[in-house]
Amino acid sequence: MQGRGKDPPRMKFMGMMNKLPHCVVVGNTVTSLCIKLGNGGRNMCDLSMPTLTTGVHPRHTSISGTLTTTNMIMANWSREMWQTVVNRAVRMLALSPLESYFFSAFGTVS
């Protein structure tokens, strides 16, 4: 609205329709999740009380998968050759428009 001056800075809390905070965002990264209290209780995000927040589970912070090939030449590549390909893919990801969505990236061949 005009004439009201500057709006106060907004905290970066993400919530659903109930407007209660569900996670804490620093920059563009979700850093912690709020803990729901009691049976049907409210989500509480009090940064001064670490017991009311918890870290993000690793399954939500990593991407993994399996690559298979039916190409006879590639199927016989050594583990080191595959690691070179995976390393190149990680470097290309770091230089792509998607780089801002990743804090870090690495790839391993097992």
PDB file of N, CA and C in Angstrom:
ATOM      1  N   MET A   1       0.839  -1.180   0.000  1.00  0.00           N
ATOM      2  CA  MET A   1       0.000   0.000   0.000  1.00  0.00           C
ATOM      3  C   MET A   1       0.882   1.241   0.000  1.00  0.00           C
ATOM      4  N   GLN A   2       0.394   2.282  -0.606  1.00  0.00           N
ATOM      5  CA  GLN A   2       1.154   3.517  -0.640  1.00  0.00           C
ATOM      6  C   GLN A   2       1.019   4.255   0.682  1.00  0.00           C
ATOM      7  N   GLY A   3       2.053   4.981   1.053  1.00  0.00           N
ATOM      8  CA  GLY A   3       1.997   5.806   2.241  1.00  0.00           C
ATOM      9  C   GLY A   3       2.314   5.068   3.537  1.00  0.00           C
ATOM     10  N   ARG A   4       2.566   3.781   3.483  1.00  0.00           N
ATOM     11  CA  ARG A   4       2.845   3.021   4.697  1.00  0.00           C
ATOM     12  C   ARG A   4       4.335   2.878   4.953  1.00  0.00           C
ATOM     13  N   GLY A   5       5.147   3.363   4.077  1.00  0.00           N
ATOM     14  CA  GLY A   5       6.585   3.200   4.253  1.00  0.00           C
ATOM     15  C   GLY A   5       7.019   1.822   3.798  1.00  0.00           C
ATOM     16  N   LYS A   6       8.218   1.491   4.188  1.00  0.00           N
ATOM     17  CA  LYS A   6       8.780   0.205   3.782  1.00  0.00           C
ATOM     18  C   LYS A   6       8.185  -0.929   4.593  1.00  0.00           C
ATOM     19  N   ASP A   7       7.905  -2.029   3.922  1.00  0.00           N
ATOM     20  CA  ASP A   7       7.452  -3.221   4.630  1.00  0.00           C
ATOM     21  C   ASP A   7       8.614  -3.798   5.417  1.00  0.00           C
ATOM     22  N   PRO A   8       8.350  -4.411   6.585  1.00  0.00           N
ATOM     23  CA  PRO A   8       9.439  -5.039   7.337  1.00  0.00           C
ATOM     24  C   PRO A   8      10.016  -6.209   6.560  1.00  0.00           C
ATOM     25  N   PRO A   9      11.295  -6.518   6.764  1.00  0.00           N
ATOM     26  CA  PRO A   9      11.880  -7.654   6.042  1.00  0.00           C
ATOM     27  C   PRO A   9      11.154  -8.939   6.414  1.00  0.00           C
ATOM     28  N   ARG A  10      11.004  -9.812   5.455  1.00  0.00           N
ATOM     29  CA  ARG A  10      10.285 -11.062   5.683  1.00  0.00           C
ATOM     30  C   ARG A  10      11.258 -12.173   6.018  1.00  0.00           C
ATOM     31  N   MET A  11      10.921 -12.940   7.037  1.00  0.00           N
ATOM     32  CA  MET A  11      11.713 -14.119   7.378  1.00  0.00           C
ATOM     33  C   MET A  11      11.430 -15.163   6.312  1.00  0.00           C
ATOM     34  N   LYS A  12      12.411 -15.923   5.961  1.00  0.00           N
ATOM     35  CA  LYS A  12      12.214 -16.951   4.951  1.00  0.00           C
ATOM     36  C   LYS A  12      11.786 -18.251   5.613  1.00  0.00           C
ATOM     37  N   PHE A  13      10.526 -18.335   5.982  1.00  0.00           N
ATOM     38  CA  PHE A  13       9.940 -19.565   6.501  1.00  0.00           C
ATOM     39  C   PHE A  13       8.969 -20.079   5.456  1.00  0.00           C
ATOM     40  N   MET A  14       8.987 -21.378   5.242  1.00  0.00           N
ATOM     41  CA  MET A  14       8.078 -21.971   4.280  1.00  0.00           C
ATOM     42  C   MET A  14       6.951 -22.643   5.045  1.00  0.00           C
ATOM     43  N   GLY A  15       5.715 -22.419   4.646  1.00  0.00           N
ATOM     44  CA  GLY A  15       4.588 -23.047   5.312  1.00  0.00           C
ATOM     45  C   GLY A  15       3.531 -23.466   4.321  1.00  0.00           C
ATOM     46  N   MET A  16       2.586 -24.222   4.790  1.00  0.00           N
ATOM     47  CA  MET A  16       1.488 -24.652   3.938  1.00  0.00           C
ATOM     48  C   MET A  16       0.353 -23.651   4.107  1.00  0.00           C
ATOM     49  N   MET A  17      -0.860 -24.045   3.824  1.00  0.00           N
ATOM     50  CA  MET A  17      -1.999 -23.144   3.869  1.00  0.00           C
ATOM     51  C   MET A  17      -2.219 -22.539   5.262  1.00  0.00           C
ATOM     52  N   ASN A  18      -1.812 -23.217   6.324  1.00  0.00           N
ATOM     53  CA  ASN A  18      -2.041 -22.706   7.673  1.00  0.00           C
ATOM     54  C   ASN A  18      -1.052 -21.613   8.065  1.00  0.00           C
ATOM     55  N   LYS A  19      -0.125 -21.295   7.206  1.00  0.00           N
ATOM     56  CA  LYS A  19       0.861 -20.226   7.406  1.00  0.00           C
ATOM     57  C   LYS A  19       1.799 -20.474   8.581  1.00  0.00           C
ATOM     58  N   LEU A  20       1.829 -21.676   9.129  1.00  0.00           N
ATOM     59  CA  LEU A  20       2.781 -22.002  10.179  1.00  0.00           C
ATOM     60  C   LEU A  20       4.100 -22.401   9.538  1.00  0.00           C
ATOM     61  N   PRO A  21       5.219 -22.037  10.148  1.00  0.00           N
ATOM     62  CA  PRO A  21       6.510 -22.415   9.562  1.00  0.00           C
ATOM     63  C   PRO A  21       6.752 -23.915   9.658  1.00  0.00           C
ATOM     64  N   HIS A  22       7.284 -24.480   8.602  1.00  0.00           N
ATOM     65  CA  HIS A  22       7.583 -25.905   8.564  1.00  0.00           C
ATOM     66  C   HIS A  22       9.069 -26.176   8.381  1.00  0.00           C
ATOM     67  N   CYS A  23       9.812 -25.191   7.892  1.00  0.00           N
ATOM     68  CA  CYS A  23      11.243 -25.376   7.712  1.00  0.00           C
ATOM     69  C   CYS A  23      11.938 -24.021   7.748  1.00  0.00           C
ATOM     70  N   VAL A  24      13.232 -24.063   7.914  1.00  0.00           N
ATOM     71  CA  VAL A  24      14.038 -22.849   7.952  1.00  0.00           C
ATOM     72  C   VAL A  24      14.888 -22.824   6.690  1.00  0.00           C
ATOM     73  N   VAL A  25      14.858 -21.701   5.980  1.00  0.00           N
ATOM     74  CA  VAL A  25      15.599 -21.546   4.736  1.00  0.00           C
ATOM     75  C   VAL A  25      16.652 -20.461   4.939  1.00  0.00           C
ATOM     76  N   VAL A  26      17.904 -20.790   4.642  1.00  0.00           N
ATOM     77  CA  VAL A  26      18.989 -19.815   4.686  1.00  0.00           C
ATOM     78  C   VAL A  26      19.513 -19.692   3.263  1.00  0.00           C
ATOM     79  N   GLY A  27      19.441 -18.494   2.713  1.00  0.00           N
ATOM     80  CA  GLY A  27      19.782 -18.328   1.302  1.00  0.00           C
ATOM     81  C   GLY A  27      18.738 -19.063   0.477  1.00  0.00           C
ATOM     82  N   ASN A  28      19.167 -20.023  -0.309  1.00  0.00           N
ATOM     83  CA  ASN A  28      18.253 -20.862  -1.088  1.00  0.00           C
ATOM     84  C   ASN A  28      18.258 -22.296  -0.599  1.00  0.00           C
ATOM     85  N   THR A  29      18.722 -22.522   0.641  1.00  0.00           N
ATOM     86  CA  THR A  29      18.888 -23.879   1.139  1.00  0.00           C
ATOM     87  C   THR A  29      18.012 -24.123   2.359  1.00  0.00           C
ATOM     88  N   VAL A  30      17.250 -25.209   2.338  1.00  0.00           N
ATOM     89  CA  VAL A  30      16.506 -25.626   3.523  1.00  0.00           C
ATOM     90  C   VAL A  30      17.528 -26.209   4.490  1.00  0.00           C
ATOM     91  N   THR A  31      17.687 -25.581   5.649  1.00  0.00           N
ATOM     92  CA  THR A  31      18.720 -25.997   6.593  1.00  0.00           C
ATOM     93  C   THR A  31      18.198 -26.861   7.725  1.00  0.00           C
ATOM     94  N   SER A  32      16.932 -26.702   8.094  1.00  0.00           N
ATOM     95  CA  SER A  32      16.372 -27.531   9.158  1.00  0.00           C
ATOM     96  C   SER A  32      14.855 -27.582   9.039  1.00  0.00           C
ATOM     97  N   LEU A  33      14.282 -28.586   9.677  1.00  0.00           N
ATOM     98  CA  LEU A  33      12.842 -28.798   9.665  1.00  0.00           C
ATOM     99  C   LEU A  33      12.294 -28.587  11.063  1.00  0.00           C
ATOM    100  N   CYS A  34      11.063 -28.104  11.138  1.00  0.00           N
ATOM    101  CA  CYS A  34      10.422 -27.895  12.430  1.00  0.00           C
ATOM    102  C   CYS A  34       9.808 -29.201  12.914  1.00  0.00           C
ATOM    103  N   ILE A  35       9.819 -29.379  14.220  1.00  0.00           N
ATOM    104  CA  ILE A  35       9.277 -30.585  14.831  1.00  0.00           C
ATOM    105  C   ILE A  35       7.840 -30.316  15.254  1.00  0.00           C
ATOM    106  N   LYS A  36       6.944 -31.250  14.925  1.00  0.00           N
ATOM    107  CA  LYS A  36       5.549 -31.126  15.326  1.00  0.00           C
ATOM    108  C   LYS A  36       5.422 -31.591  16.770  1.00  0.00           C
ATOM    109  N   LEU A  37       4.800 -30.780  17.592  1.00  0.00           N
ATOM    110  CA  LEU A  37       4.683 -31.092  19.013  1.00  0.00           C
ATOM    111  C   LEU A  37       3.352 -31.765  19.322  1.00  0.00           C
ATOM    112  N   GLY A  38       3.408 -32.854  20.072  1.00  0.00           N
ATOM    113  CA  GLY A  38       2.201 -33.495  20.584  1.00  0.00           C
ATOM    114  C   GLY A  38       1.300 -34.082  19.520  1.00  0.00           C
ATOM    115  N   ASN A  39       0.192 -34.601  19.946  1.00  0.00           N
ATOM    116  CA  ASN A  39      -0.798 -35.204  19.065  1.00  0.00           C
ATOM    117  C   ASN A  39      -1.626 -34.090  18.438  1.00  0.00           C
ATOM    118  N   GLY A  40      -1.416 -33.838  17.166  1.00  0.00           N
ATOM    119  CA  GLY A  40      -2.129 -32.759  16.489  1.00  0.00           C
ATOM    120  C   GLY A  40      -1.606 -31.382  16.856  1.00  0.00           C
ATOM    121  N   GLY A  41      -0.422 -31.335  17.450  1.00  0.00           N
ATOM    122  CA  GLY A  41       0.146 -30.065  17.897  1.00  0.00           C
ATOM    123  C   GLY A  41       0.623 -29.193  16.750  1.00  0.00           C
ATOM    124  N   ARG A  42       1.007 -27.992  17.107  1.00  0.00           N
ATOM    125  CA  ARG A  42       1.495 -27.031  16.119  1.00  0.00           C
ATOM    126  C   ARG A  42       2.942 -27.324  15.758  1.00  0.00           C
ATOM    127  N   ASN A  43       3.301 -26.928  14.565  1.00  0.00           N
ATOM    128  CA  ASN A  43       4.720 -26.945  14.206  1.00  0.00           C
ATOM    129  C   ASN A  43       5.354 -25.716  14.835  1.00  0.00           C
ATOM    130  N   MET A  44       6.457 -25.908  15.509  1.00  0.00           N
ATOM    131  CA  MET A  44       7.121 -24.807  16.189  1.00  0.00           C
ATOM    132  C   MET A  44       8.492 -24.592  15.556  1.00  0.00           C
ATOM    133  N   CYS A  45       8.773 -23.390  15.124  1.00  0.00           N
ATOM    134  CA  CYS A  45      10.092 -23.061  14.599  1.00  0.00           C
ATOM    135  C   CYS A  45      10.661 -21.938  15.442  1.00  0.00           C
ATOM    136  N   ASP A  46      11.300 -22.296  16.521  1.00  0.00           N
ATOM    137  CA  ASP A  46      11.947 -21.321  17.385  1.00  0.00           C
ATOM    138  C   ASP A  46      13.445 -21.572  17.287  1.00  0.00           C
ATOM    139  N   LEU A  47      14.137 -20.706  16.569  1.00  0.00           N
ATOM    140  CA  LEU A  47      15.556 -20.914  16.318  1.00  0.00           C
ATOM    141  C   LEU A  47      16.393 -20.834  17.587  1.00  0.00           C
ATOM    142  N   SER A  48      15.848 -20.241  18.632  1.00  0.00           N
ATOM    143  CA  SER A  48      16.601 -20.157  19.881  1.00  0.00           C
ATOM    144  C   SER A  48      16.508 -21.453  20.686  1.00  0.00           C
ATOM    145  N   MET A  49      15.651 -22.367  20.257  1.00  0.00           N
ATOM    146  CA  MET A  49      15.496 -23.651  20.946  1.00  0.00           C
ATOM    147  C   MET A  49      15.800 -24.786  19.970  1.00  0.00           C
ATOM    148  N   PRO A  50      17.048 -25.233  19.902  1.00  0.00           N
ATOM    149  CA  PRO A  50      17.446 -26.260  18.932  1.00  0.00           C
ATOM    150  C   PRO A  50      16.642 -27.554  19.032  1.00  0.00           C
ATOM    151  N   THR A  51      16.019 -27.813  20.178  1.00  0.00           N
ATOM    152  CA  THR A  51      15.239 -29.048  20.313  1.00  0.00           C
ATOM    153  C   THR A  51      13.952 -29.008  19.499  1.00  0.00           C
ATOM    154  N   LEU A  52      13.572 -27.841  18.990  1.00  0.00           N
ATOM    155  CA  LEU A  52      12.351 -27.731  18.198  1.00  0.00           C
ATOM    156  C   LEU A  52      12.607 -27.835  16.699  1.00  0.00           C
ATOM    157  N   THR A  53      13.862 -27.988  16.312  1.00  0.00           N
ATOM    158  CA  THR A  53      14.186 -28.183  14.898  1.00  0.00           C
ATOM    159  C   THR A  53      15.077 -29.408  14.755  1.00  0.00           C
ATOM    160  N   THR A  54      15.081 -29.964  13.573  1.00  0.00           N
ATOM    161  CA  THR A  54      15.918 -31.123  13.288  1.00  0.00           C
ATOM    162  C   THR A  54      16.538 -30.952  11.906  1.00  0.00           C
ATOM    163  N   GLY A  55      17.639 -31.618  11.673  1.00  0.00           N
ATOM    164  CA  GLY A  55      18.304 -31.530  10.375  1.00  0.00           C
ATOM    165  C   GLY A  55      17.495 -32.199   9.270  1.00  0.00           C
ATOM    166  N   VAL A  56      17.857 -31.912   8.051  1.00  0.00           N
ATOM    167  CA  VAL A  56      17.209 -32.514   6.892  1.00  0.00           C
ATOM    168  C   VAL A  56      17.776 -33.920   6.707  1.00  0.00           C
ATOM    169  N   HIS A  57      16.903 -34.909   6.570  1.00  0.00           N
ATOM    170  CA  HIS A  57      17.328 -36.310   6.425  1.00  0.00           C
ATOM    171  C   HIS A  57      18.164 -36.471   5.151  1.00  0.00           C
ATOM    172  N   PRO A  58      19.247 -37.250   5.202  1.00  0.00           N
ATOM    173  CA  PRO A  58      20.115 -37.432   4.035  1.00  0.00           C
ATOM    174  C   PRO A  58      19.393 -37.911   2.773  1.00  0.00           C
ATOM    175  N   ARG A  59      18.298 -38.647   2.923  1.00  0.00           N
ATOM    176  CA  ARG A  59      17.602 -39.120   1.717  1.00  0.00           C
ATOM    177  C   ARG A  59      17.006 -37.964   0.915  1.00  0.00           C
ATOM    178  N   HIS A  60      16.868 -36.790   1.545  1.00  0.00           N
ATOM    179  CA  HIS A  60      16.344 -35.618   0.851  1.00  0.00           C
ATOM    180  C   HIS A  60      17.447 -34.704   0.347  1.00  0.00           C
ATOM    181  N   THR A  61      18.692 -35.063   0.618  1.00  0.00           N
ATOM    182  CA  THR A  61      19.798 -34.193   0.221  1.00  0.00           C
ATOM    183  C   THR A  61      20.741 -34.847  -0.773  1.00  0.00           C
ATOM    184  N   SER A  62      20.404 -36.046  -1.212  1.00  0.00           N
ATOM    185  CA  SER A  62      21.279 -36.713  -2.175  1.00  0.00           C
ATOM    186  C   SER A  62      20.447 -37.395  -3.251  1.00  0.00           C
ATOM    187  N   ILE A  63      21.068 -37.575  -4.375  1.00  0.00           N
ATOM    188  CA  ILE A  63      20.450 -38.263  -5.507  1.00  0.00           C
ATOM    189  C   ILE A  63      21.353 -39.434  -5.847  1.00  0.00           C
ATOM    190  N   SER A  64      20.776 -40.599  -5.978  1.00  0.00           N
ATOM    191  CA  SER A  64      21.575 -41.762  -6.359  1.00  0.00           C
ATOM    192  C   SER A  64      20.792 -42.572  -7.380  1.00  0.00           C
ATOM    193  N   GLY A  65      21.491 -43.410  -8.074  1.00  0.00           N
ATOM    194  CA  GLY A  65      20.824 -44.217  -9.080  1.00  0.00           C
ATOM    195  C   GLY A  65      21.743 -45.270  -9.649  1.00  0.00           C
ATOM    196  N   THR A  66      21.213 -46.020 -10.577  1.00  0.00           N
ATOM    197  CA  THR A  66      21.953 -47.094 -11.225  1.00  0.00           C
ATOM    198  C   THR A  66      21.944 -46.852 -12.720  1.00  0.00           C
ATOM    199  N   LEU A  67      23.083 -47.013 -13.314  1.00  0.00           N
ATOM    200  CA  LEU A  67      23.218 -46.870 -14.758  1.00  0.00           C
ATOM    201  C   LEU A  67      23.549 -48.235 -15.333  1.00  0.00           C
ATOM    202  N   THR A  68      22.780 -48.661 -16.303  1.00  0.00           N
ATOM    203  CA  THR A  68      23.064 -49.934 -16.975  1.00  0.00           C
ATOM    204  C   THR A  68      23.231 -49.669 -18.466  1.00  0.00           C
ATOM    205  N   THR A  69      23.995 -50.530 -19.108  1.00  0.00           N
ATOM    206  CA  THR A  69      24.201 -50.388 -20.542  1.00  0.00           C
ATOM    207  C   THR A  69      24.144 -51.752 -21.210  1.00  0.00           C
ATOM    208  N   THR A  70      23.682 -51.742 -22.446  1.00  0.00           N
ATOM    209  CA  THR A  70      23.686 -52.973 -23.242  1.00  0.00           C
ATOM    210  C   THR A  70      24.708 -52.873 -24.369  1.00  0.00           C
ATOM    211  N   ASN A  71      25.436 -51.757 -24.409  1.00  0.00           N
ATOM    212  CA  ASN A  71      26.472 -51.572 -25.408  1.00  0.00           C
ATOM    213  C   ASN A  71      27.667 -52.447 -25.034  1.00  0.00           C
ATOM    214  N   MET A  72      28.067 -53.340 -25.924  1.00  0.00           N
ATOM    215  CA  MET A  72      29.137 -54.302 -25.635  1.00  0.00           C
ATOM    216  C   MET A  72      30.457 -53.621 -25.272  1.00  0.00           C
ATOM    217  N   ILE A  73      30.788 -52.553 -25.974  1.00  0.00           N
ATOM    218  CA  ILE A  73      32.058 -51.878 -25.713  1.00  0.00           C
ATOM    219  C   ILE A  73      32.025 -51.213 -24.342  1.00  0.00           C
ATOM    220  N   MET A  74      30.965 -50.461 -24.059  1.00  0.00           N
ATOM    221  CA  MET A  74      30.853 -49.771 -22.773  1.00  0.00           C
ATOM    222  C   MET A  74      30.688 -50.757 -21.618  1.00  0.00           C
ATOM    223  N   ALA A  75      30.039 -51.865 -21.862  1.00  0.00           N
ATOM    224  CA  ALA A  75      29.826 -52.861 -20.805  1.00  0.00           C
ATOM    225  C   ALA A  75      31.149 -53.440 -20.306  1.00  0.00           C
ATOM    226  N   ASN A  76      32.168 -53.401 -21.131  1.00  0.00           N
ATOM    227  CA  ASN A  76      33.471 -53.944 -20.750  1.00  0.00           C
ATOM    228  C   ASN A  76      34.450 -52.881 -20.254  1.00  0.00           C
ATOM    229  N   TRP A  77      33.988 -51.661 -20.083  1.00  0.00           N
ATOM    230  CA  TRP A  77      34.858 -50.616 -19.564  1.00  0.00           C
ATOM    231  C   TRP A  77      35.273 -50.948 -18.137  1.00  0.00           C
ATOM    232  N   SER A  78      36.454 -50.501 -17.778  1.00  0.00           N
ATOM    233  CA  SER A  78      36.948 -50.700 -16.408  1.00  0.00           C
ATOM    234  C   SER A  78      36.227 -49.747 -15.451  1.00  0.00           C
ATOM    235  N   ARG A  79      36.347 -50.039 -14.194  1.00  0.00           N
ATOM    236  CA  ARG A  79      35.773 -49.184 -13.153  1.00  0.00           C
ATOM    237  C   ARG A  79      36.375 -47.776 -13.238  1.00  0.00           C
ATOM    238  N   GLU A  80      37.670 -47.696 -13.515  1.00  0.00           N
ATOM    239  CA  GLU A  80      38.351 -46.405 -13.620  1.00  0.00           C
ATOM    240  C   GLU A  80      37.804 -45.580 -14.788  1.00  0.00           C
ATOM    241  N   MET A  81      37.516 -46.263 -15.904  1.00  0.00           N
ATOM    242  CA  MET A  81      36.953 -45.566 -17.064  1.00  0.00           C
ATOM    243  C   MET A  81      35.573 -44.996 -16.718  1.00  0.00           C
ATOM    244  N   TRP A  82      34.751 -45.791 -16.027  1.00  0.00           N
ATOM    245  CA  TRP A  82      33.427 -45.309 -15.623  1.00  0.00           C
ATOM    246  C   TRP A  82      33.551 -44.149 -14.640  1.00  0.00           C
ATOM    247  N   GLN A  83      34.529 -44.210 -13.739  1.00  0.00           N
ATOM    248  CA  GLN A  83      34.713 -43.118 -12.786  1.00  0.00           C
ATOM    249  C   GLN A  83      35.085 -41.831 -13.515  1.00  0.00           C
ATOM    250  N   THR A  84      35.878 -41.940 -14.580  1.00  0.00           N
ATOM    251  CA  THR A  84      36.223 -40.773 -15.391  1.00  0.00           C
ATOM    252  C   THR A  84      34.973 -40.160 -16.014  1.00  0.00           C
ATOM    253  N   VAL A  85      34.085 -40.999 -16.525  1.00  0.00           N
ATOM    254  CA  VAL A  85      32.836 -40.516 -17.129  1.00  0.00           C
ATOM    255  C   VAL A  85      31.964 -39.832 -16.074  1.00  0.00           C
ATOM    256  N   VAL A  86      31.850 -40.447 -14.904  1.00  0.00           N
ATOM    257  CA  VAL A  86      31.044 -39.867 -13.829  1.00  0.00           C
ATOM    258  C   VAL A  86      31.638 -38.532 -13.381  1.00  0.00           C
ATOM    259  N   ASN A  87      32.946 -38.451 -13.249  1.00  0.00           N
ATOM    260  CA  ASN A  87      33.598 -37.190 -12.869  1.00  0.00           C
ATOM    261  C   ASN A  87      33.326 -36.096 -13.895  1.00  0.00           C
ATOM    262  N   ARG A  88      33.353 -36.454 -15.165  1.00  0.00           N
ATOM    263  CA  ARG A  88      33.062 -35.484 -16.223  1.00  0.00           C
ATOM    264  C   ARG A  88      31.611 -35.007 -16.124  1.00  0.00           C
ATOM    265  N   ALA A  89      30.693 -35.918 -15.828  1.00  0.00           N
ATOM    266  CA  ALA A  89      29.287 -35.536 -15.667  1.00  0.00           C
ATOM    267  C   ALA A  89      29.115 -34.562 -14.502  1.00  0.00           C
ATOM    268  N   VAL A  90      29.825 -34.785 -13.411  1.00  0.00           N
ATOM    269  CA  VAL A  90      29.759 -33.879 -12.259  1.00  0.00           C
ATOM    270  C   VAL A  90      30.301 -32.506 -12.634  1.00  0.00           C
ATOM    271  N   ARG A  91      31.412 -32.457 -13.364  1.00  0.00           N
ATOM    272  CA  ARG A  91      31.970 -31.167 -13.802  1.00  0.00           C
ATOM    273  C   ARG A  91      30.995 -30.438 -14.717  1.00  0.00           C
ATOM    274  N   MET A  92      30.358 -31.170 -15.624  1.00  0.00           N
ATOM    275  CA  MET A  92      29.395 -30.551 -16.537  1.00  0.00           C
ATOM    276  C   MET A  92      28.185 -30.019 -15.767  1.00  0.00           C
ATOM    277  N   LEU A  93      27.758 -30.740 -14.738  1.00  0.00           N
ATOM    278  CA  LEU A  93      26.653 -30.279 -13.903  1.00  0.00           C
ATOM    279  C   LEU A  93      27.017 -28.965 -13.220  1.00  0.00           C
ATOM    280  N   ALA A  94      28.244 -28.861 -12.747  1.00  0.00           N
ATOM    281  CA  ALA A  94      28.697 -27.649 -12.062  1.00  0.00           C
ATOM    282  C   ALA A  94      28.730 -26.441 -12.995  1.00  0.00           C
ATOM    283  N   LEU A  95      28.831 -26.666 -14.284  1.00  0.00           N
ATOM    284  CA  LEU A  95      28.893 -25.571 -15.254  1.00  0.00           C
ATOM    285  C   LEU A  95      27.560 -25.328 -15.946  1.00  0.00           C
ATOM    286  N   SER A  96      26.529 -26.067 -15.563  1.00  0.00           N
ATOM    287  CA  SER A  96      25.229 -25.963 -16.227  1.00  0.00           C
ATOM    288  C   SER A  96      24.334 -24.949 -15.515  1.00  0.00           C
ATOM    289  N   PRO A  97      23.204 -24.605 -16.131  1.00  0.00           N
ATOM    290  CA  PRO A  97      22.244 -23.712 -15.462  1.00  0.00           C
ATOM    291  C   PRO A  97      21.694 -24.305 -14.159  1.00  0.00           C
ATOM    292  N   LEU A  98      21.856 -25.601 -13.944  1.00  0.00           N
ATOM    293  CA  LEU A  98      21.353 -26.242 -12.730  1.00  0.00           C
ATOM    294  C   LEU A  98      22.298 -26.105 -11.543  1.00  0.00           C
ATOM    295  N   GLU A  99      23.487 -25.543 -11.748  1.00  0.00           N
ATOM    296  CA  GLU A  99      24.495 -25.503 -10.684  1.00  0.00           C
ATOM    297  C   GLU A  99      23.999 -24.834  -9.412  1.00  0.00           C
ATOM    298  N   SER A 100      23.127 -23.847  -9.528  1.00  0.00           N
ATOM    299  CA  SER A 100      22.668 -23.137  -8.330  1.00  0.00           C
ATOM    300  C   SER A 100      21.762 -23.994  -7.452  1.00  0.00           C
ATOM    301  N   TYR A 101      21.291 -25.117  -7.973  1.00  0.00           N
ATOM    302  CA  TYR A 101      20.418 -25.991  -7.192  1.00  0.00           C
ATOM    303  C   TYR A 101      21.198 -27.001  -6.358  1.00  0.00           C
ATOM    304  N   PHE A 102      22.515 -27.024  -6.496  1.00  0.00           N
ATOM    305  CA  PHE A 102      23.340 -27.998  -5.790  1.00  0.00           C
ATOM    306  C   PHE A 102      24.356 -27.287  -4.911  1.00  0.00           C
ATOM    307  N   PHE A 103      24.452 -27.714  -3.658  1.00  0.00           N
ATOM    308  CA  PHE A 103      25.478 -27.194  -2.754  1.00  0.00           C
ATOM    309  C   PHE A 103      26.820 -27.807  -3.121  1.00  0.00           C
ATOM    310  N   SER A 104      26.815 -29.101  -3.382  1.00  0.00           N
ATOM    311  CA  SER A 104      28.008 -29.798  -3.840  1.00  0.00           C
ATOM    312  C   SER A 104      27.562 -31.039  -4.594  1.00  0.00           C
ATOM    313  N   ALA A 105      28.470 -31.599  -5.352  1.00  0.00           N
ATOM    314  CA  ALA A 105      28.146 -32.807  -6.114  1.00  0.00           C
ATOM    315  C   ALA A 105      29.383 -33.680  -6.220  1.00  0.00           C
ATOM    316  N   PHE A 106      29.173 -34.965  -6.194  1.00  0.00           N
ATOM    317  CA  PHE A 106      30.243 -35.924  -6.431  1.00  0.00           C
ATOM    318  C   PHE A 106      29.614 -37.198  -6.951  1.00  0.00           C
ATOM    319  N   GLY A 107      30.402 -38.000  -7.597  1.00  0.00           N
ATOM    320  CA  GLY A 107      29.916 -39.266  -8.130  1.00  0.00           C
ATOM    321  C   GLY A 107      30.908 -40.371  -7.850  1.00  0.00           C
ATOM    322  N   THR A 108      30.400 -41.521  -7.527  1.00  0.00           N
ATOM    323  CA  THR A 108      31.267 -42.676  -7.288  1.00  0.00           C
ATOM    324  C   THR A 108      30.733 -43.872  -8.050  1.00  0.00           C
ATOM    325  N   VAL A 109      31.633 -44.704  -8.464  1.00  0.00           N
ATOM    326  CA  VAL A 109      31.292 -45.941  -9.162  1.00  0.00           C
ATOM    327  C   VAL A 109      31.573 -47.082  -8.201  1.00  0.00           C
ATOM    328  N   SER A 110      30.589 -47.952  -8.028  1.00  0.00           N
ATOM    329  CA  SER A 110      30.815 -49.086  -7.119  1.00  0.00           C
ATOM    330  C   SER A 110      30.699 -50.398  -7.866  1.00  0.00           C
TER     331      SER A 110
END
